[in-house]
């Protein structure tokens, strides 16, 4: 079976190597979650991926918010609010997985509310960080 395409590509790089690496890792984990849902992997695997994603999201968002605050980035507040929204959606998806396991609906939610949202967030908000002196 062919592996699904990865979401990360170089067009998502904002030019800050540590943040780019973190974004790639987050997108790779979301891709892995989506693949696990689509192939109806063991619920323990889903819990493992979600646990890692939770931890990594918290670390990355904290670091990125700190960078924006230090550079006095004008979108720092908007970025923090966007991160809170994402964490709420991630929690809701975790609850859906706990309640229903793998399903097309949950996979669709991951695709739209996590992957597509995150790509848009990188391109519209995170990119502002690389524009700061």
C-alpha atoms as a PDB file:
ATOM      1  CA  UNK A   1       0.000   0.000   0.000  1.00  0.00           C
ATOM      2  CA  UNK A   2       1.292   3.475  -0.889  1.00  0.00           C
ATOM      3  CA  UNK A   3       1.988   5.891   1.923  1.00  0.00           C
ATOM      4  CA  UNK A   4      -0.167   9.028   1.753  1.00  0.00           C
ATOM      5  CA  UNK A   5       1.500  12.268   0.740  1.00  0.00           C
ATOM      6  CA  UNK A   6       2.998  14.334   3.506  1.00  0.00           C
ATOM      7  CA  UNK A   7       1.465  17.747   4.177  1.00  0.00           C
ATOM      8  CA  UNK A   8       4.789  19.498   4.847  1.00  0.00           C
ATOM      9  CA  UNK A   9       6.585  20.969   1.875  1.00  0.00           C
ATOM     10  CA  UNK A  10       9.190  23.702   1.543  1.00  0.00           C
ATOM     11  CA  UNK A  11       6.576  26.313   0.622  1.00  0.00           C
ATOM     12  CA  UNK A  12       5.551  26.224   4.309  1.00  0.00           C
ATOM     13  CA  UNK A  13       9.008  27.199   5.553  1.00  0.00           C
ATOM     14  CA  UNK A  14       8.995  30.640   7.155  1.00  0.00           C
ATOM     15  CA  UNK A  15      12.790  30.860   7.240  1.00  0.00           C
ATOM     16  CA  UNK A  16      13.352  30.272  10.958  1.00  0.00           C
ATOM     17  CA  UNK A  17      14.962  26.810  11.094  1.00  0.00           C
ATOM     18  CA  UNK A  18      13.812  25.743  14.573  1.00  0.00           C
ATOM     19  CA  UNK A  19      10.213  26.813  13.978  1.00  0.00           C
ATOM     20  CA  UNK A  20      10.220  25.258  10.501  1.00  0.00           C
ATOM     21  CA  UNK A  21      11.472  21.975  11.986  1.00  0.00           C
ATOM     22  CA  UNK A  22       8.755  22.106  14.661  1.00  0.00           C
ATOM     23  CA  UNK A  23       6.068  22.844  12.068  1.00  0.00           C
ATOM     24  CA  UNK A  24       7.255  19.899   9.970  1.00  0.00           C
ATOM     25  CA  UNK A  25       7.171  17.600  13.011  1.00  0.00           C
ATOM     26  CA  UNK A  26       3.659  18.751  13.941  1.00  0.00           C
ATOM     27  CA  UNK A  27       2.354  18.267  10.424  1.00  0.00           C
ATOM     28  CA  UNK A  28       4.021  14.839  10.222  1.00  0.00           C
ATOM     29  CA  UNK A  29       2.248  13.840  13.458  1.00  0.00           C
ATOM     30  CA  UNK A  30      -1.095  15.081  12.144  1.00  0.00           C
ATOM     31  CA  UNK A  31      -0.473  13.127   8.922  1.00  0.00           C
ATOM     32  CA  UNK A  32       0.273  10.054  11.041  1.00  0.00           C
ATOM     33  CA  UNK A  33      -2.944  10.543  13.022  1.00  0.00           C
ATOM     34  CA  UNK A  34      -4.966  10.876   9.836  1.00  0.00           C
ATOM     35  CA  UNK A  35      -3.351   7.748   8.385  1.00  0.00           C
ATOM     36  CA  UNK A  36      -4.033   5.837  11.626  1.00  0.00           C
ATOM     37  CA  UNK A  37      -7.688   6.888  11.473  1.00  0.00           C
ATOM     38  CA  UNK A  38      -8.048   6.020   7.790  1.00  0.00           C
ATOM     39  CA  UNK A  39      -6.486   2.576   8.259  1.00  0.00           C
ATOM     40  CA  UNK A  40      -8.444   1.969  11.493  1.00  0.00           C
ATOM     41  CA  UNK A  41      -5.338   1.276  13.558  1.00  0.00           C
ATOM     42  CA  UNK A  42      -5.485   0.077  17.150  1.00  0.00           C
ATOM     43  CA  UNK A  43      -7.053   2.699  19.466  1.00  0.00           C
ATOM     44  CA  UNK A  44      -3.896   2.518  21.611  1.00  0.00           C
ATOM     45  CA  UNK A  45      -1.929   3.818  18.621  1.00  0.00           C
ATOM     46  CA  UNK A  46      -4.369   6.721  18.253  1.00  0.00           C
ATOM     47  CA  UNK A  47      -3.991   7.563  21.957  1.00  0.00           C
ATOM     48  CA  UNK A  48      -0.189   7.438  21.599  1.00  0.00           C
ATOM     49  CA  UNK A  49      -0.198   9.791  18.591  1.00  0.00           C
ATOM     50  CA  UNK A  50      -2.622  12.182  20.310  1.00  0.00           C
ATOM     51  CA  UNK A  51      -0.511  12.235  23.472  1.00  0.00           C
ATOM     52  CA  UNK A  52       2.599  13.101  21.501  1.00  0.00           C
ATOM     53  CA  UNK A  53       0.697  15.726  19.513  1.00  0.00           C
ATOM     54  CA  UNK A  54      -0.634  17.329  22.720  1.00  0.00           C
ATOM     55  CA  UNK A  55       2.837  17.525  24.229  1.00  0.00           C
ATOM     56  CA  UNK A  56       4.481  18.824  21.064  1.00  0.00           C
ATOM     57  CA  UNK A  57       1.750  21.397  20.403  1.00  0.00           C
ATOM     58  CA  UNK A  58       2.124  22.787  23.924  1.00  0.00           C
ATOM     59  CA  UNK A  59       5.909  23.035  23.605  1.00  0.00           C
ATOM     60  CA  UNK A  60       5.858  24.539  20.121  1.00  0.00           C
ATOM     61  CA  UNK A  61       3.087  27.038  20.791  1.00  0.00           C
ATOM     62  CA  UNK A  62       4.815  28.214  23.975  1.00  0.00           C
ATOM     63  CA  UNK A  63       8.114  28.698  22.152  1.00  0.00           C
ATOM     64  CA  UNK A  64       6.518  30.473  19.202  1.00  0.00           C
ATOM     65  CA  UNK A  65       4.483  32.789  21.443  1.00  0.00           C
ATOM     66  CA  UNK A  66       7.646  33.643  23.391  1.00  0.00           C
ATOM     67  CA  UNK A  67       9.456  34.481  20.135  1.00  0.00           C
ATOM     68  CA  UNK A  68       6.608  36.733  18.991  1.00  0.00           C
ATOM     69  CA  UNK A  69       6.493  38.514  22.343  1.00  0.00           C
ATOM     70  CA  UNK A  70      10.282  39.045  22.379  1.00  0.00           C
ATOM     71  CA  UNK A  71      10.209  40.479  18.859  1.00  0.00           C
ATOM     72  CA  UNK A  72       7.084  42.533  19.668  1.00  0.00           C
ATOM     73  CA  UNK A  73       5.347  40.966  16.681  1.00  0.00           C
ATOM     74  CA  UNK A  74       2.068  42.819  15.954  1.00  0.00           C
ATOM     75  CA  UNK A  75       0.157  39.525  15.505  1.00  0.00           C
ATOM     76  CA  UNK A  76       1.317  38.026  18.827  1.00  0.00           C
ATOM     77  CA  UNK A  77      -2.146  38.334  20.421  1.00  0.00           C
ATOM     78  CA  UNK A  78      -3.877  36.933  17.359  1.00  0.00           C
ATOM     79  CA  UNK A  79      -1.348  34.083  17.310  1.00  0.00           C
ATOM     80  CA  UNK A  80      -2.012  33.208  20.962  1.00  0.00           C
ATOM     81  CA  UNK A  81      -5.788  33.217  20.381  1.00  0.00           C
ATOM     82  CA  UNK A  82      -5.340  31.020  17.290  1.00  0.00           C
ATOM     83  CA  UNK A  83      -3.248  28.565  19.304  1.00  0.00           C
ATOM     84  CA  UNK A  84      -5.962  28.387  21.973  1.00  0.00           C
ATOM     85  CA  UNK A  85      -8.541  27.670  19.273  1.00  0.00           C
ATOM     86  CA  UNK A  86      -6.384  24.877  17.836  1.00  0.00           C
ATOM     87  CA  UNK A  87      -5.893  23.315  21.270  1.00  0.00           C
ATOM     88  CA  UNK A  88      -9.662  23.389  21.832  1.00  0.00           C
ATOM     89  CA  UNK A  89     -10.251  21.653  18.478  1.00  0.00           C
ATOM     90  CA  UNK A  90      -7.539  19.087  19.240  1.00  0.00           C
ATOM     91  CA  UNK A  91      -9.266  18.358  22.556  1.00  0.00           C
ATOM     92  CA  UNK A  92     -12.632  17.985  20.822  1.00  0.00           C
ATOM     93  CA  UNK A  93     -11.119  15.577  18.286  1.00  0.00           C
ATOM     94  CA  UNK A  94      -9.522  13.586  21.096  1.00  0.00           C
ATOM     95  CA  UNK A  95     -12.982  13.337  22.698  1.00  0.00           C
ATOM     96  CA  UNK A  96     -14.490  12.178  19.387  1.00  0.00           C
ATOM     97  CA  UNK A  97     -11.829   9.486  19.089  1.00  0.00           C
ATOM     98  CA  UNK A  98     -12.430   8.415  22.702  1.00  0.00           C
ATOM     99  CA  UNK A  99     -16.165   8.182  22.016  1.00  0.00           C
ATOM    100  CA  UNK A 100     -16.273   6.823  18.465  1.00  0.00           C
ATOM    101  CA  UNK A 101     -12.802   5.538  17.576  1.00  0.00           C
ATOM    102  CA  UNK A 102     -11.793   5.669  13.929  1.00  0.00           C
ATOM    103  CA  UNK A 103     -14.444   6.952  11.568  1.00  0.00           C
ATOM    104  CA  UNK A 104     -14.661   8.920   8.355  1.00  0.00           C
ATOM    105  CA  UNK A 105     -16.145  11.826  10.294  1.00  0.00           C
ATOM    106  CA  UNK A 106     -13.213  11.956  12.725  1.00  0.00           C
ATOM    107  CA  UNK A 107     -10.715  11.638   9.854  1.00  0.00           C
ATOM    108  CA  UNK A 108     -12.449  14.515   8.048  1.00  0.00           C
ATOM    109  CA  UNK A 109     -12.301  16.647  11.225  1.00  0.00           C
ATOM    110  CA  UNK A 110      -8.560  15.965  11.549  1.00  0.00           C
ATOM    111  CA  UNK A 111      -8.018  16.861   7.902  1.00  0.00           C
ATOM    112  CA  UNK A 112      -9.970  20.129   7.998  1.00  0.00           C
ATOM    113  CA  UNK A 113      -9.698  21.312  11.597  1.00  0.00           C
ATOM    114  CA  UNK A 114      -6.099  20.328  12.263  1.00  0.00           C
ATOM    115  CA  UNK A 115      -4.112  19.873   9.045  1.00  0.00           C
ATOM    116  CA  UNK A 116      -5.734  22.467   6.782  1.00  0.00           C
ATOM    117  CA  UNK A 117      -6.141  24.909   9.669  1.00  0.00           C
ATOM    118  CA  UNK A 118      -2.477  24.581  10.669  1.00  0.00           C
ATOM    119  CA  UNK A 119      -1.204  25.074   7.109  1.00  0.00           C
ATOM    120  CA  UNK A 120      -3.334  28.226   6.814  1.00  0.00           C
ATOM    121  CA  UNK A 121      -2.084  29.417  10.212  1.00  0.00           C
ATOM    122  CA  UNK A 122       1.556  29.026   9.131  1.00  0.00           C
ATOM    123  CA  UNK A 123       0.930  30.918   5.891  1.00  0.00           C
ATOM    124  CA  UNK A 124      -1.060  33.793   7.407  1.00  0.00           C
ATOM    125  CA  UNK A 125       0.189  34.307  10.979  1.00  0.00           C
ATOM    126  CA  UNK A 126       3.435  32.442  11.666  1.00  0.00           C
ATOM    127  CA  UNK A 127       5.054  33.901   8.560  1.00  0.00           C
ATOM    128  CA  UNK A 128       4.811  37.345  10.222  1.00  0.00           C
ATOM    129  CA  UNK A 129       7.443  36.230  12.738  1.00  0.00           C
ATOM    130  CA  UNK A 130      10.038  35.870   9.979  1.00  0.00           C
ATOM    131  CA  UNK A 131       9.297  39.427   8.848  1.00  0.00           C
ATOM    132  CA  UNK A 132      10.382  40.840  12.218  1.00  0.00           C
ATOM    133  CA  UNK A 133      13.922  42.207  12.720  1.00  0.00           C
END
